[in-house]
Amino acid sequence: MNAAEFYERYWQHATDPASECGQIVGERQTMLKAALSHLPPKARVLDSGCGNGVFTAFLQELGFDVVGIDISTTAVEHAKQQCPSIQFKVASLEGRLPFQNEEFDAVWCTEVLEHVFDVDKALTEIKRILRSGGKLVLTTPYHGLVKNLVISILAFNRHYDPRGPHIRFFSRRSLTLCLEQAGFGVERWAGVGRFWPVWMSHFVVARKLS
């Protein structure tokens, strides 16, 4: 089974597709709005790994010219039903995205990188489609020392279940290294959900350097 087949099955078996957008949505939306506040109206923004389109719709409400992509055909169909005025495409970050070079002012990528096998390829593709100085805003599950110790003691098997969808586990250091090697400069770090040192996710704003 490849990644597309895995996530096709995931979305086909979602009991409530409208709720499959993860937790702490409101907090992420508030932080995303602030991160993109410098952009002019109708700036071109990509929601990469859009799922059912909850954040894609939010970006449209902010006044952006937004497009959503997801590896799952079923997820894209759910998104189209919820947001018929938005363009959605089936595409994988680990392949060539169906966009021109430097087409977007910003890319939003929330709770996606932990599902990606070829992280370098994904970040390189995002960089390709971003304009010079364009912003990548992302979230991915938080893994700091204290939280990792808690997980190891109390929930190792559940958290690192080899049958689960998460295949990458980023620390601040490892994610920074991936971003820098792909040609991004990190501008902001924050935590989302719960409280330090057991945040649920990293919230990162990075800029395309060249």
C-alpha atoms as a PDB file:
ATOM      1  CA  MET A   1       0.000   0.000   0.000  1.00  0.00           C
ATOM      2  CA  ASN A   2       1.405   3.396  -0.976  1.00  0.00           C
ATOM      3  CA  ALA A   3       0.771   6.746   0.713  1.00  0.00           C
ATOM      4  CA  ALA A   4      -2.099   7.708  -1.607  1.00  0.00           C
ATOM      5  CA  GLU A   5      -3.875   4.412  -0.943  1.00  0.00           C
ATOM      6  CA  PHE A   6      -3.325   4.740   2.812  1.00  0.00           C
ATOM      7  CA  TYR A   7      -4.917   8.193   2.993  1.00  0.00           C
ATOM      8  CA  GLU A   8      -7.661   7.247   0.580  1.00  0.00           C
ATOM      9  CA  ARG A   9      -8.656   4.508   2.999  1.00  0.00           C
ATOM     10  CA  TYR A  10      -8.301   6.922   5.944  1.00  0.00           C
ATOM     11  CA  TRP A  11     -10.738   9.440   4.462  1.00  0.00           C
ATOM     12  CA  GLN A  12     -13.141   6.804   3.202  1.00  0.00           C
ATOM     13  CA  HIS A  13     -13.470   5.450   6.742  1.00  0.00           C
ATOM     14  CA  ALA A  14     -13.683   8.808   8.508  1.00  0.00           C
ATOM     15  CA  THR A  15     -16.883   8.621  10.568  1.00  0.00           C
ATOM     16  CA  ASP A  16     -17.443  12.371  10.385  1.00  0.00           C
ATOM     17  CA  PRO A  17     -15.438  13.996   7.561  1.00  0.00           C
ATOM     18  CA  ALA A  18     -16.540  17.457   8.636  1.00  0.00           C
ATOM     19  CA  SER A  19     -14.693  16.991  11.938  1.00  0.00           C
ATOM     20  CA  GLU A  20     -11.496  15.483  10.508  1.00  0.00           C
ATOM     21  CA  CYS A  21      -9.478  18.690  10.745  1.00  0.00           C
ATOM     22  CA  GLY A  22      -7.670  17.951  13.965  1.00  0.00           C
ATOM     23  CA  GLN A  23      -7.771  19.738  17.307  1.00  0.00           C
ATOM     24  CA  ILE A  24      -7.076  23.345  18.354  1.00  0.00           C
ATOM     25  CA  VAL A  25      -8.451  24.706  15.072  1.00  0.00           C
ATOM     26  CA  GLY A  26      -9.401  28.106  16.456  1.00  0.00           C
ATOM     27  CA  GLU A  27      -5.968  28.682  17.958  1.00  0.00           C
ATOM     28  CA  ARG A  28      -4.263  27.725  14.717  1.00  0.00           C
ATOM     29  CA  GLN A  29      -6.561  30.024  12.750  1.00  0.00           C
ATOM     30  CA  THR A  30      -5.769  32.977  14.991  1.00  0.00           C
ATOM     31  CA  MET A  31      -2.030  32.402  14.647  1.00  0.00           C
ATOM     32  CA  LEU A  32      -2.293  31.829  10.892  1.00  0.00           C
ATOM     33  CA  LYS A  33      -4.188  35.085  10.426  1.00  0.00           C
ATOM     34  CA  ALA A  34      -1.468  36.985  12.292  1.00  0.00           C
ATOM     35  CA  ALA A  35       1.308  35.265  10.330  1.00  0.00           C
ATOM     36  CA  LEU A  36      -0.235  36.301   7.004  1.00  0.00           C
ATOM     37  CA  SER A  37      -1.381  39.774   8.054  1.00  0.00           C
ATOM     38  CA  HIS A  38       1.346  41.395   5.931  1.00  0.00           C
ATOM     39  CA  LEU A  39      -0.097  40.015   2.690  1.00  0.00           C
ATOM     40  CA  PRO A  40      -2.281  42.214   0.455  1.00  0.00           C
ATOM     41  CA  PRO A  41      -5.864  41.289  -0.451  1.00  0.00           C
ATOM     42  CA  LYS A  42      -6.106  38.559  -3.106  1.00  0.00           C
ATOM     43  CA  ALA A  43      -2.595  37.296  -2.386  1.00  0.00           C
ATOM     44  CA  ARG A  44      -2.175  33.777  -3.705  1.00  0.00           C
ATOM     45  CA  VAL A  45      -2.089  31.184  -0.899  1.00  0.00           C
ATOM     46  CA  LEU A  46      -1.870  27.379  -1.050  1.00  0.00           C
ATOM     47  CA  ASP A  47      -3.380  25.125   1.609  1.00  0.00           C
ATOM     48  CA  SER A  48      -1.090  22.113   1.264  1.00  0.00           C
ATOM     49  CA  GLY A  49      -2.625  18.963   2.689  1.00  0.00           C
ATOM     50  CA  CYS A  50      -6.032  20.624   2.947  1.00  0.00           C
ATOM     51  CA  GLY A  51      -8.058  17.624   4.097  1.00  0.00           C
ATOM     52  CA  ASN A  52     -11.722  18.576   4.116  1.00  0.00           C
ATOM     53  CA  GLY A  53     -10.997  22.260   3.426  1.00  0.00           C
ATOM     54  CA  VAL A  54     -11.637  23.802   6.849  1.00  0.00           C
ATOM     55  CA  PHE A  55      -8.512  25.964   6.712  1.00  0.00           C
ATOM     56  CA  THR A  56      -8.881  26.561   2.974  1.00  0.00           C
ATOM     57  CA  ALA A  57     -12.266  28.150   3.619  1.00  0.00           C
ATOM     58  CA  PHE A  58     -10.782  30.203   6.451  1.00  0.00           C
ATOM     59  CA  LEU A  59      -8.045  31.528   4.151  1.00  0.00           C
ATOM     60  CA  GLN A  60     -10.693  32.515   1.610  1.00  0.00           C
ATOM     61  CA  GLU A  61     -12.601  34.346   4.346  1.00  0.00           C
ATOM     62  CA  LEU A  62      -9.424  36.336   5.027  1.00  0.00           C
ATOM     63  CA  GLY A  63      -9.607  37.604   1.449  1.00  0.00           C
ATOM     64  CA  PHE A  64      -6.897  35.491  -0.171  1.00  0.00           C
ATOM     65  CA  ASP A  65      -6.939  33.791  -3.558  1.00  0.00           C
ATOM     66  CA  VAL A  66      -6.620  30.282  -2.163  1.00  0.00           C
ATOM     67  CA  VAL A  67      -6.145  26.812  -3.621  1.00  0.00           C
ATOM     68  CA  GLY A  68      -6.261  23.525  -1.696  1.00  0.00           C
ATOM     69  CA  ILE A  69      -4.437  20.285  -2.432  1.00  0.00           C
ATOM     70  CA  ASP A  70      -4.517  16.862  -0.819  1.00  0.00           C
ATOM     71  CA  ILE A  71      -3.182  13.425  -1.668  1.00  0.00           C
ATOM     72  CA  SER A  72      -6.633  11.878  -1.098  1.00  0.00           C
ATOM     73  CA  THR A  73      -9.319  12.070  -3.790  1.00  0.00           C
ATOM     74  CA  THR A  74     -11.954  11.440  -1.124  1.00  0.00           C
ATOM     75  CA  ALA A  75     -10.696  14.342   1.009  1.00  0.00           C
ATOM     76  CA  VAL A  76     -10.730  16.648  -2.007  1.00  0.00           C
ATOM     77  CA  GLU A  77     -14.314  15.614  -2.810  1.00  0.00           C
ATOM     78  CA  HIS A  78     -15.351  16.427   0.778  1.00  0.00           C
ATOM     79  CA  ALA A  79     -13.612  19.805   0.471  1.00  0.00           C
ATOM     80  CA  LYS A  80     -15.334  20.610  -2.822  1.00  0.00           C
ATOM     81  CA  GLN A  81     -18.716  19.835  -1.272  1.00  0.00           C
ATOM     82  CA  GLN A  82     -18.015  22.125   1.679  1.00  0.00           C
ATOM     83  CA  CYS A  83     -16.382  24.914  -0.354  1.00  0.00           C
ATOM     84  CA  PRO A  84     -17.673  24.848  -3.970  1.00  0.00           C
ATOM     85  CA  SER A  85     -16.214  28.276  -4.776  1.00  0.00           C
ATOM     86  CA  ILE A  86     -12.623  27.171  -4.046  1.00  0.00           C
ATOM     87  CA  GLN A  87     -10.326  25.303  -6.411  1.00  0.00           C
ATOM     88  CA  PHE A  88      -9.087  21.967  -5.042  1.00  0.00           C
ATOM     89  CA  LYS A  89      -6.661  19.528  -6.650  1.00  0.00           C
ATOM     90  CA  VAL A  90      -5.425  16.035  -5.889  1.00  0.00           C
ATOM     91  CA  ALA A  91      -1.644  16.245  -5.519  1.00  0.00           C
ATOM     92  CA  SER A  92       1.187  14.924  -3.377  1.00  0.00           C
ATOM     93  CA  LEU A  93       3.978  16.989  -1.852  1.00  0.00           C
ATOM     94  CA  GLU A  94       6.304  14.120  -2.714  1.00  0.00           C
ATOM     95  CA  GLY A  95       5.660  14.588  -6.436  1.00  0.00           C
ATOM     96  CA  ARG A  96       5.777  17.638  -8.659  1.00  0.00           C
ATOM     97  CA  LEU A  97       2.953  19.971  -7.672  1.00  0.00           C
ATOM     98  CA  PRO A  98       0.660  21.146 -10.501  1.00  0.00           C
ATOM     99  CA  PHE A  99       1.742  24.789 -10.215  1.00  0.00           C
ATOM    100  CA  GLN A 100       4.228  27.104 -11.873  1.00  0.00           C
ATOM    101  CA  ASN A 101       7.436  28.303 -10.245  1.00  0.00           C
ATOM    102  CA  GLU A 102       6.899  31.182  -7.810  1.00  0.00           C
ATOM    103  CA  GLU A 103       3.108  31.083  -8.156  1.00  0.00           C
ATOM    104  CA  PHE A 104       2.215  31.599  -4.475  1.00  0.00           C
ATOM    105  CA  ASP A 105       2.804  34.307  -1.887  1.00  0.00           C
ATOM    106  CA  ALA A 106       2.372  31.874   1.011  1.00  0.00           C
ATOM    107  CA  VAL A 107       1.873  28.190   1.764  1.00  0.00           C
ATOM    108  CA  TRP A 108      -0.022  26.850   4.773  1.00  0.00           C
ATOM    109  CA  CYS A 109       0.909  23.290   5.744  1.00  0.00           C
ATOM    110  CA  THR A 110      -0.767  22.178   8.956  1.00  0.00           C
ATOM    111  CA  GLU A 111      -0.212  18.716  10.494  1.00  0.00           C
ATOM    112  CA  VAL A 112       1.156  17.357   7.204  1.00  0.00           C
ATOM    113  CA  LEU A 113       4.955  16.967   7.366  1.00  0.00           C
ATOM    114  CA  GLU A 114       4.721  14.208   9.975  1.00  0.00           C
ATOM    115  CA  HIS A 115       2.916  12.115   7.326  1.00  0.00           C
ATOM    116  CA  VAL A 116       5.519  12.631   4.601  1.00  0.00           C
ATOM    117  CA  PHE A 117       8.226  10.087   3.759  1.00  0.00           C
ATOM    118  CA  ASP A 118      10.434  12.427   1.680  1.00  0.00           C
ATOM    119  CA  VAL A 119      10.496  15.614   3.766  1.00  0.00           C
ATOM    120  CA  ASP A 120      13.301  17.175   1.705  1.00  0.00           C
ATOM    121  CA  LYS A 121      11.335  16.695  -1.516  1.00  0.00           C
ATOM    122  CA  ALA A 122       8.197  18.197   0.022  1.00  0.00           C
ATOM    123  CA  LEU A 123       9.987  21.305   1.289  1.00  0.00           C
ATOM    124  CA  THR A 124      11.844  21.730  -2.002  1.00  0.00           C
ATOM    125  CA  GLU A 125       8.545  21.662  -3.916  1.00  0.00           C
ATOM    126  CA  ILE A 126       7.032  24.205  -1.556  1.00  0.00           C
ATOM    127  CA  LYS A 127      10.037  26.448  -2.071  1.00  0.00           C
ATOM    128  CA  ARG A 128       9.737  26.097  -5.858  1.00  0.00           C
ATOM    129  CA  ILE A 129       6.170  27.365  -5.980  1.00  0.00           C
ATOM    130  CA  LEU A 130       6.761  30.213  -3.498  1.00  0.00           C
ATOM    131  CA  ARG A 131       7.722  33.662  -4.685  1.00  0.00           C
ATOM    132  CA  SER A 132      10.982  35.170  -3.442  1.00  0.00           C
ATOM    133  CA  GLY A 133      10.476  36.097   0.194  1.00  0.00           C
ATOM    134  CA  GLY A 134       7.257  34.060   0.328  1.00  0.00           C
ATOM    135  CA  LYS A 135       6.143  32.553   3.638  1.00  0.00           C
ATOM    136  CA  LEU A 136       5.745  28.931   4.641  1.00  0.00           C
ATOM    137  CA  VAL A 137       3.553  28.649   7.732  1.00  0.00           C
ATOM    138  CA  LEU A 138       3.325  25.172   9.201  1.00  0.00           C
ATOM    139  CA  THR A 139       2.384  23.127  12.215  1.00  0.00           C
ATOM    140  CA  THR A 140       3.589  19.652  13.122  1.00  0.00           C
ATOM    141  CA  PRO A 141       3.359  17.693  16.382  1.00  0.00           C
ATOM    142  CA  TYR A 142       5.622  19.017  19.113  1.00  0.00           C
ATOM    143  CA  HIS A 143       8.409  16.816  20.433  1.00  0.00           C
ATOM    144  CA  GLY A 144      10.482  18.412  23.170  1.00  0.00           C
ATOM    145  CA  LEU A 145      12.595  16.673  25.792  1.00  0.00           C
ATOM    146  CA  VAL A 146      10.071  16.753  28.639  1.00  0.00           C
ATOM    147  CA  LYS A 147       7.171  15.692  26.437  1.00  0.00           C
ATOM    148  CA  ASN A 148       9.245  12.899  24.921  1.00  0.00           C
ATOM    149  CA  LEU A 149      10.037  11.575  28.404  1.00  0.00           C
ATOM    150  CA  VAL A 150       6.346  11.645  29.347  1.00  0.00           C
ATOM    151  CA  ILE A 151       5.433   9.827  26.142  1.00  0.00           C
ATOM    152  CA  SER A 152       8.158   7.222  26.690  1.00  0.00           C
ATOM    153  CA  ILE A 153       6.926   6.482  30.211  1.00  0.00           C
ATOM    154  CA  LEU A 154       3.166   6.675  29.733  1.00  0.00           C
ATOM    155  CA  ALA A 155       2.217   6.259  26.080  1.00  0.00           C
ATOM    156  CA  PHE A 156       5.109   5.006  23.953  1.00  0.00           C
ATOM    157  CA  ASN A 157       3.260   2.224  22.105  1.00  0.00           C
ATOM    158  CA  ARG A 158       0.228   4.347  21.364  1.00  0.00           C
ATOM    159  CA  HIS A 159       2.188   7.425  20.303  1.00  0.00           C
ATOM    160  CA  TYR A 160       4.663   5.563  18.094  1.00  0.00           C
ATOM    161  CA  ASP A 161       2.212   2.958  16.801  1.00  0.00           C
ATOM    162  CA  PRO A 162       3.820   1.648  13.566  1.00  0.00           C
ATOM    163  CA  ARG A 163       0.354   1.251  12.064  1.00  0.00           C
ATOM    164  CA  GLY A 164      -0.468   4.921  12.626  1.00  0.00           C
ATOM    165  CA  PRO A 165      -0.219   7.727  10.060  1.00  0.00           C
ATOM    166  CA  HIS A 166       2.687   9.617  11.667  1.00  0.00           C
ATOM    167  CA  ILE A 167       6.061   8.564  10.271  1.00  0.00           C
ATOM    168  CA  ARG A 168       8.164  11.666  11.161  1.00  0.00           C
ATOM    169  CA  PHE A 169       8.698  13.126  14.641  1.00  0.00           C
ATOM    170  CA  PHE A 170      10.280  16.598  14.652  1.00  0.00           C
ATOM    171  CA  SER A 171      12.167  18.388  17.374  1.00  0.00           C
ATOM    172  CA  ARG A 172      12.798  22.095  17.015  1.00  0.00           C
ATOM    173  CA  ARG A 173      16.385  21.360  16.023  1.00  0.00           C
ATOM    174  CA  SER A 174      15.589  18.715  13.408  1.00  0.00           C
ATOM    175  CA  LEU A 175      12.792  20.738  11.810  1.00  0.00           C
ATOM    176  CA  THR A 176      14.990  23.838  11.679  1.00  0.00           C
ATOM    177  CA  LEU A 177      17.700  21.811   9.934  1.00  0.00           C
ATOM    178  CA  CYS A 178      15.222  20.503   7.347  1.00  0.00           C
ATOM    179  CA  LEU A 179      13.911  24.000   6.643  1.00  0.00           C
ATOM    180  CA  GLU A 180      17.356  25.563   6.380  1.00  0.00           C
ATOM    181  CA  GLN A 181      18.636  22.858   4.050  1.00  0.00           C
ATOM    182  CA  ALA A 182      15.618  23.445   1.802  1.00  0.00           C
ATOM    183  CA  GLY A 183      16.392  27.175   1.586  1.00  0.00           C
ATOM    184  CA  PHE A 184      14.131  28.664   4.260  1.00  0.00           C
ATOM    185  CA  GLY A 185      14.942  30.995   7.124  1.00  0.00           C
ATOM    186  CA  VAL A 186      12.894  30.451  10.274  1.00  0.00           C
ATOM    187  CA  GLU A 187      11.321  33.686  11.513  1.00  0.00           C
ATOM    188  CA  ARG A 188       9.059  32.540  14.319  1.00  0.00           C
ATOM    189  CA  TRP A 189       8.535  29.567  16.634  1.00  0.00           C
ATOM    190  CA  ALA A 190       5.561  29.057  18.924  1.00  0.00           C
ATOM    191  CA  GLY A 191       3.631  26.271  20.601  1.00  0.00           C
ATOM    192  CA  VAL A 192       0.002  25.407  19.927  1.00  0.00           C
ATOM    193  CA  GLY A 193      -2.353  23.556  22.240  1.00  0.00           C
ATOM    194  CA  ARG A 194      -1.951  22.736  25.941  1.00  0.00           C
ATOM    195  CA  PHE A 195       1.062  24.485  27.502  1.00  0.00           C
ATOM    196  CA  TRP A 196       4.858  24.256  27.520  1.00  0.00           C
ATOM    197  CA  PRO A 197       6.515  21.758  27.885  1.00  0.00           C
ATOM    198  CA  VAL A 198       3.746  19.515  26.547  1.00  0.00           C
ATOM    199  CA  TRP A 199       2.468  21.604  23.631  1.00  0.00           C
ATOM    200  CA  MET A 200       0.519  19.666  21.052  1.00  0.00           C
ATOM    201  CA  SER A 201       2.256  21.200  18.022  1.00  0.00           C
ATOM    202  CA  HIS A 202       5.003  23.472  16.805  1.00  0.00           C
ATOM    203  CA  PHE A 203       3.816  26.602  14.963  1.00  0.00           C
ATOM    204  CA  VAL A 204       6.516  27.823  12.580  1.00  0.00           C
ATOM    205  CA  VAL A 205       6.802  30.740  10.179  1.00  0.00           C
ATOM    206  CA  ALA A 206       9.632  30.474   7.653  1.00  0.00           C
ATOM    207  CA  ARG A 207      10.633  32.644   4.685  1.00  0.00           C
ATOM    208  CA  LYS A 208      11.983  31.557   1.311  1.00  0.00           C
ATOM    209  CA  LEU A 209      15.485  32.982   1.203  1.00  0.00           C
ATOM    210  CA  SER A 210      16.117  33.002  -2.544  1.00  0.00           C
END
